[in-house]
Amino acid sequence: MSQEERHPDTVTLLIGEKCMGGKKRSDIKPGLRVSIVLKKNQKTGKLSEGIVKNILTNSPSHPHGIKVRLESGEVGRVKEIFG
């Protein structure tokens, strides 16, 4: 499937590759490796990486990313999902 044929809101997880995403709750599961932006880093966009422990956003989607707690205890919005 070419880049032009993909829907812009669709996240395709590929083993060993990084995909931008994190706006749909259904794409995120505990145990996944993700990058998040912490509230204190929103202005700079600095990302923190870790394993999802809990999903904190209840709605099916969020325009800024689904909020999660990592196993490290850090809380932030998902910006990247790693497969």
Protein backbone atom coordinates (compact mmCIF):
# COMPACT_ATOMS: atom_id res chain seq x y z
CA MET A 1 0.00 0.00 0.00
CA SER A 2 1.49 3.33 -1.00
CA GLN A 3 1.68 6.34 1.31
CA GLU A 4 -1.06 8.03 -0.75
CA GLU A 5 -3.47 5.12 -0.22
CA ARG A 6 -3.18 5.14 3.59
CA HIS A 7 -5.75 6.95 5.65
CA PRO A 8 -3.98 9.67 7.69
CA ASP A 9 -5.47 8.46 11.00
CA THR A 10 -4.49 4.81 10.47
CA VAL A 11 -1.54 3.48 12.44
CA THR A 12 0.24 0.46 10.99
CA LEU A 13 2.47 -1.34 13.45
CA LEU A 14 5.42 -3.03 11.81
CA ILE A 15 7.76 -5.36 13.71
CA GLY A 16 11.06 -3.60 14.37
CA GLU A 17 9.91 -0.26 12.98
CA LYS A 18 8.65 2.95 14.50
CA CYS A 19 5.27 4.43 13.56
CA MET A 20 3.90 7.80 14.48
CA GLY A 21 0.59 7.49 16.26
CA GLY A 22 -0.87 7.33 19.70
CA LYS A 23 -4.10 9.25 19.09
CA LYS A 24 -6.35 6.17 19.12
CA ARG A 25 -6.83 4.30 22.41
CA SER A 26 -7.40 1.01 20.55
CA ASP A 27 -3.81 1.16 19.19
CA ILE A 28 -2.28 1.20 22.69
CA LYS A 29 -2.05 -1.79 25.02
CA PRO A 30 -0.20 -2.39 28.31
CA GLY A 31 3.21 -3.88 27.57
CA LEU A 32 3.82 -1.88 24.37
CA ARG A 33 7.00 0.18 24.02
CA VAL A 34 6.13 3.82 23.32
CA SER A 35 7.52 7.33 23.40
CA ILE A 36 5.60 9.91 25.39
CA VAL A 37 5.88 13.62 25.97
CA LEU A 38 5.74 14.59 29.63
CA LYS A 39 3.71 17.67 30.60
CA LYS A 40 6.90 19.51 31.62
CA ASN A 41 8.37 18.79 28.16
CA GLN A 42 5.38 19.82 26.04
CA LYS A 43 7.03 23.08 24.93
CA THR A 44 10.26 21.39 23.86
CA GLY A 45 8.69 18.16 22.58
CA LYS A 46 11.36 16.06 24.32
CA LEU A 47 10.27 12.41 24.33
CA SER A 48 10.64 9.77 27.04
CA GLU A 49 10.55 6.08 26.12
CA GLY A 50 9.17 3.18 28.11
CA ILE A 51 6.66 0.35 28.48
CA VAL A 52 2.95 1.14 28.97
CA LYS A 53 1.70 0.11 32.42
CA ASN A 54 -1.76 1.77 32.38
CA ILE A 55 -3.89 3.67 29.88
CA LEU A 56 -5.25 6.79 31.59
CA THR A 57 -7.39 8.31 28.81
CA ASN A 58 -10.91 6.87 28.79
CA SER A 59 -12.12 8.33 25.48
CA PRO A 60 -11.52 6.36 22.24
CA SER A 61 -9.22 9.08 20.86
CA HIS A 62 -7.48 12.31 21.83
CA PRO A 63 -6.02 14.93 19.45
CA HIS A 64 -2.81 15.31 21.49
CA GLY A 65 -2.26 11.61 22.15
CA ILE A 66 -3.57 9.04 24.60
CA LYS A 67 -2.35 9.61 28.16
CA VAL A 68 -0.53 6.63 29.70
CA ARG A 69 1.54 5.71 32.74
CA LEU A 70 4.79 3.93 31.97
CA GLU A 71 6.26 1.16 34.13
CA SER A 72 8.77 3.79 35.32
CA GLY A 73 5.87 5.84 36.76
CA GLU A 74 6.15 8.65 34.20
CA VAL A 75 2.84 9.96 32.84
CA GLY A 76 2.45 11.57 29.44
CA ARG A 77 0.79 11.48 26.02
CA VAL A 78 1.82 8.87 23.45
CA LYS A 79 3.62 10.30 20.42
CA GLU A 80 5.21 7.14 18.96
CA ILE A 81 4.39 3.44 19.13
CA PHE A 82 7.19 0.92 18.57
CA GLY A 83 6.47 -2.51 17.09
